[in-house]
Amino acid sequence: MFFQESLFDFTNWDFFIKIFFVLFLVFYSIFALILFRQIQLMAKALPLQLSPLLKFIAILHIGFALALLFIVAEIF
C-alpha cells in the first residue's frame, strides 16, 4: 500500500513544529499589540520626553512581529 502524505498527518513531527511556530508568533504579535497599548496608556498618565521614542519603538516591534508571522506562515 502506498501512503499519501497529508497536511494532517499526526505521526509526522513537522506538523506539530509548524503549528507551534505559527501559534507562538500569533501570541507574540498579540503581545506586541498589548505592549503598544500599555505604552500609550503610560504616555497619557505620565507624559515624558521619551514617550514618542517609546511609541515609535513599539510600532517597529509590532511591524517586526507581524512581518515575522507572515514570513513563517508563508514558508510553512
N, C-alpha and C. Protein backbone atom coordinates (compact mmCIF):
# COMPACT_ATOMS: atom_id res chain seq x y z
N MET A 1 0.83 -1.18 0.00
CA MET A 1 0.00 0.00 0.00
C MET A 1 0.88 1.24 0.00
N PHE A 2 0.39 2.21 -0.69
CA PHE A 2 1.10 3.48 -0.74
C PHE A 2 0.45 4.45 0.25
N PHE A 3 1.29 5.11 0.99
CA PHE A 3 0.79 6.09 1.95
C PHE A 3 0.95 7.48 1.35
N GLN A 4 -0.13 8.18 1.38
CA GLN A 4 -0.11 9.55 0.85
C GLN A 4 0.10 10.51 2.01
N GLU A 5 1.07 11.41 1.86
CA GLU A 5 1.30 12.40 2.91
C GLU A 5 0.21 13.46 2.83
N SER A 6 -0.32 13.79 3.97
CA SER A 6 -1.33 14.84 4.01
C SER A 6 -0.90 15.90 5.01
N LEU A 7 -1.62 16.99 5.02
CA LEU A 7 -1.32 18.08 5.94
C LEU A 7 -1.60 17.66 7.37
N PHE A 8 -2.55 16.80 7.57
CA PHE A 8 -2.96 16.40 8.91
C PHE A 8 -2.42 15.02 9.30
N ASP A 9 -1.20 14.76 8.93
CA ASP A 9 -0.55 13.51 9.31
C ASP A 9 0.03 13.69 10.71
N PHE A 10 -0.64 13.14 11.72
CA PHE A 10 -0.26 13.37 13.11
C PHE A 10 0.94 12.55 13.55
N THR A 11 1.41 11.65 12.73
CA THR A 11 2.61 10.89 13.08
C THR A 11 3.87 11.64 12.67
N ASN A 12 3.71 12.70 11.94
CA ASN A 12 4.83 13.48 11.46
C ASN A 12 5.07 14.64 12.42
N TRP A 13 6.28 14.76 12.97
CA TRP A 13 6.59 15.80 13.93
C TRP A 13 6.67 17.17 13.29
N ASP A 14 6.89 17.22 11.98
CA ASP A 14 6.96 18.50 11.29
C ASP A 14 5.65 19.27 11.43
N PHE A 15 4.54 18.57 11.41
CA PHE A 15 3.23 19.20 11.55
C PHE A 15 3.14 19.93 12.89
N PHE A 16 3.54 19.29 13.97
CA PHE A 16 3.47 19.90 15.29
C PHE A 16 4.44 21.08 15.43
N ILE A 17 5.59 20.97 14.82
CA ILE A 17 6.56 22.06 14.87
C ILE A 17 6.03 23.27 14.12
N LYS A 18 5.42 23.05 12.96
CA LYS A 18 4.84 24.15 12.19
C LYS A 18 3.72 24.83 12.97
N ILE A 19 2.83 24.04 13.55
CA ILE A 19 1.72 24.60 14.32
C ILE A 19 2.26 25.38 15.52
N PHE A 20 3.29 24.84 16.19
CA PHE A 20 3.88 25.53 17.34
C PHE A 20 4.43 26.89 16.94
N PHE A 21 5.19 26.95 15.85
CA PHE A 21 5.78 28.21 15.42
C PHE A 21 4.72 29.24 15.04
N VAL A 22 3.71 28.81 14.32
CA VAL A 22 2.66 29.75 13.91
C VAL A 22 1.89 30.25 15.13
N LEU A 23 1.53 29.36 16.05
CA LEU A 23 0.81 29.79 17.25
C LEU A 23 1.68 30.68 18.13
N PHE A 24 2.94 30.35 18.25
CA PHE A 24 3.85 31.18 19.03
C PHE A 24 3.92 32.59 18.46
N LEU A 25 4.01 32.70 17.15
CA LEU A 25 4.11 34.02 16.54
C LEU A 25 2.79 34.78 16.58
N VAL A 26 1.67 34.08 16.58
CA VAL A 26 0.38 34.75 16.77
C VAL A 26 0.33 35.36 18.16
N PHE A 27 0.69 34.59 19.17
CA PHE A 27 0.70 35.11 20.54
C PHE A 27 1.74 36.22 20.71
N TYR A 28 2.86 36.12 20.04
CA TYR A 28 3.88 37.16 20.10
C TYR A 28 3.37 38.46 19.49
N SER A 29 2.61 38.36 18.40
CA SER A 29 2.02 39.54 17.78
C SER A 29 0.98 40.18 18.70
N ILE A 30 0.20 39.36 19.37
CA ILE A 30 -0.78 39.88 20.34
C ILE A 30 -0.05 40.57 21.49
N PHE A 31 1.04 39.99 21.94
CA PHE A 31 1.85 40.61 22.98
C PHE A 31 2.38 41.96 22.53
N ALA A 32 2.82 42.07 21.28
CA ALA A 32 3.34 43.34 20.77
C ALA A 32 2.23 44.40 20.76
N LEU A 33 1.02 44.01 20.41
CA LEU A 33 -0.10 44.96 20.42
C LEU A 33 -0.43 45.40 21.85
N ILE A 34 -0.41 44.47 22.78
CA ILE A 34 -0.69 44.81 24.18
C ILE A 34 0.41 45.74 24.72
N LEU A 35 1.64 45.47 24.35
CA LEU A 35 2.75 46.33 24.77
C LEU A 35 2.58 47.75 24.25
N PHE A 36 2.17 47.88 23.00
CA PHE A 36 1.94 49.21 22.43
C PHE A 36 0.82 49.94 23.17
N ARG A 37 -0.24 49.21 23.50
CA ARG A 37 -1.35 49.82 24.24
C ARG A 37 -0.90 50.28 25.63
N GLN A 38 -0.08 49.50 26.27
CA GLN A 38 0.43 49.88 27.59
C GLN A 38 1.31 51.13 27.51
N ILE A 39 2.09 51.23 26.45
CA ILE A 39 2.93 52.42 26.27
C ILE A 39 2.05 53.64 26.03
N GLN A 40 0.97 53.48 25.28
CA GLN A 40 0.04 54.59 25.07
C GLN A 40 -0.57 55.05 26.40
N LEU A 41 -1.01 54.10 27.21
CA LEU A 41 -1.60 54.45 28.49
C LEU A 41 -0.59 55.11 29.42
N MET A 42 0.64 54.62 29.40
CA MET A 42 1.68 55.21 30.22
C MET A 42 1.98 56.65 29.80
N ALA A 43 1.98 56.89 28.48
CA ALA A 43 2.27 58.22 27.97
C ALA A 43 1.16 59.21 28.35
N LYS A 44 -0.08 58.72 28.43
CA LYS A 44 -1.18 59.59 28.87
C LYS A 44 -1.07 59.91 30.35
N ALA A 45 -0.76 58.91 31.15
CA ALA A 45 -0.71 59.09 32.60
C ALA A 45 0.52 59.88 33.03
N LEU A 46 1.63 59.62 32.38
CA LEU A 46 2.88 60.27 32.78
C LEU A 46 3.63 60.72 31.53
N PRO A 47 3.29 61.90 31.01
CA PRO A 47 3.95 62.36 29.78
C PRO A 47 5.43 62.68 30.02
N LEU A 48 6.25 62.06 29.22
CA LEU A 48 7.69 62.28 29.32
C LEU A 48 8.23 62.68 27.96
N GLN A 49 9.45 63.14 27.95
CA GLN A 49 10.10 63.49 26.69
C GLN A 49 10.44 62.23 25.89
N LEU A 50 10.54 61.12 26.57
CA LEU A 50 10.91 59.85 25.94
C LEU A 50 9.71 59.13 25.32
N SER A 51 8.50 59.56 25.60
CA SER A 51 7.29 58.86 25.15
C SER A 51 7.19 58.69 23.63
N PRO A 52 7.45 59.71 22.83
CA PRO A 52 7.37 59.50 21.37
C PRO A 52 8.35 58.45 20.86
N LEU A 53 9.53 58.40 21.45
CA LEU A 53 10.52 57.39 21.04
C LEU A 53 10.04 55.99 21.41
N LEU A 54 9.46 55.86 22.60
CA LEU A 54 8.95 54.55 23.02
C LEU A 54 7.79 54.10 22.12
N LYS A 55 6.93 55.04 21.74
CA LYS A 55 5.83 54.70 20.82
C LYS A 55 6.37 54.24 19.47
N PHE A 56 7.39 54.93 18.98
CA PHE A 56 7.99 54.56 17.71
C PHE A 56 8.61 53.16 17.77
N ILE A 57 9.32 52.88 18.84
CA ILE A 57 9.93 51.56 19.00
C ILE A 57 8.85 50.48 19.12
N ALA A 58 7.75 50.79 19.79
CA ALA A 58 6.65 49.83 19.91
C ALA A 58 6.00 49.57 18.55
N ILE A 59 5.87 50.59 17.73
CA ILE A 59 5.31 50.40 16.39
C ILE A 59 6.25 49.54 15.54
N LEU A 60 7.55 49.78 15.66
CA LEU A 60 8.52 48.92 14.96
C LEU A 60 8.42 47.48 15.44
N HIS A 61 8.21 47.31 16.73
CA HIS A 61 8.08 45.97 17.32
C HIS A 61 6.85 45.25 16.75
N ILE A 62 5.74 45.96 16.63
CA ILE A 62 4.53 45.37 16.04
C ILE A 62 4.80 44.98 14.59
N GLY A 63 5.44 45.87 13.84
CA GLY A 63 5.76 45.56 12.44
C GLY A 63 6.67 44.35 12.31
N PHE A 64 7.66 44.27 13.18
CA PHE A 64 8.57 43.12 13.16
C PHE A 64 7.82 41.83 13.48
N ALA A 65 6.96 41.87 14.49
CA ALA A 65 6.22 40.67 14.89
C ALA A 65 5.28 40.20 13.77
N LEU A 66 4.57 41.15 13.15
CA LEU A 66 3.65 40.77 12.07
C LEU A 66 4.41 40.30 10.83
N ALA A 67 5.52 40.95 10.52
CA ALA A 67 6.31 40.51 9.37
C ALA A 67 6.84 39.11 9.59
N LEU A 68 7.32 38.84 10.78
CA LEU A 68 7.82 37.50 11.09
C LEU A 68 6.71 36.46 11.01
N LEU A 69 5.52 36.82 11.49
CA LEU A 69 4.37 35.91 11.41
C LEU A 69 4.04 35.59 9.95
N PHE A 70 3.98 36.61 9.10
CA PHE A 70 3.65 36.38 7.69
C PHE A 70 4.74 35.61 6.96
N ILE A 71 5.99 35.85 7.30
CA ILE A 71 7.08 35.11 6.66
C ILE A 71 7.01 33.64 7.04
N VAL A 72 6.83 33.36 8.32
CA VAL A 72 6.78 31.96 8.76
C VAL A 72 5.54 31.27 8.21
N ALA A 73 4.40 31.98 8.17
CA ALA A 73 3.18 31.38 7.62
C ALA A 73 3.35 31.08 6.13
N GLU A 74 4.08 31.91 5.43
CA GLU A 74 4.31 31.68 4.01
C GLU A 74 5.27 30.51 3.77
N ILE A 75 6.26 30.37 4.63
CA ILE A 75 7.22 29.27 4.48
C ILE A 75 6.54 27.92 4.73
N PHE A 76 5.69 27.88 5.74
CA PHE A 76 5.05 26.62 6.08
C PHE A 76 3.82 26.44 5.24
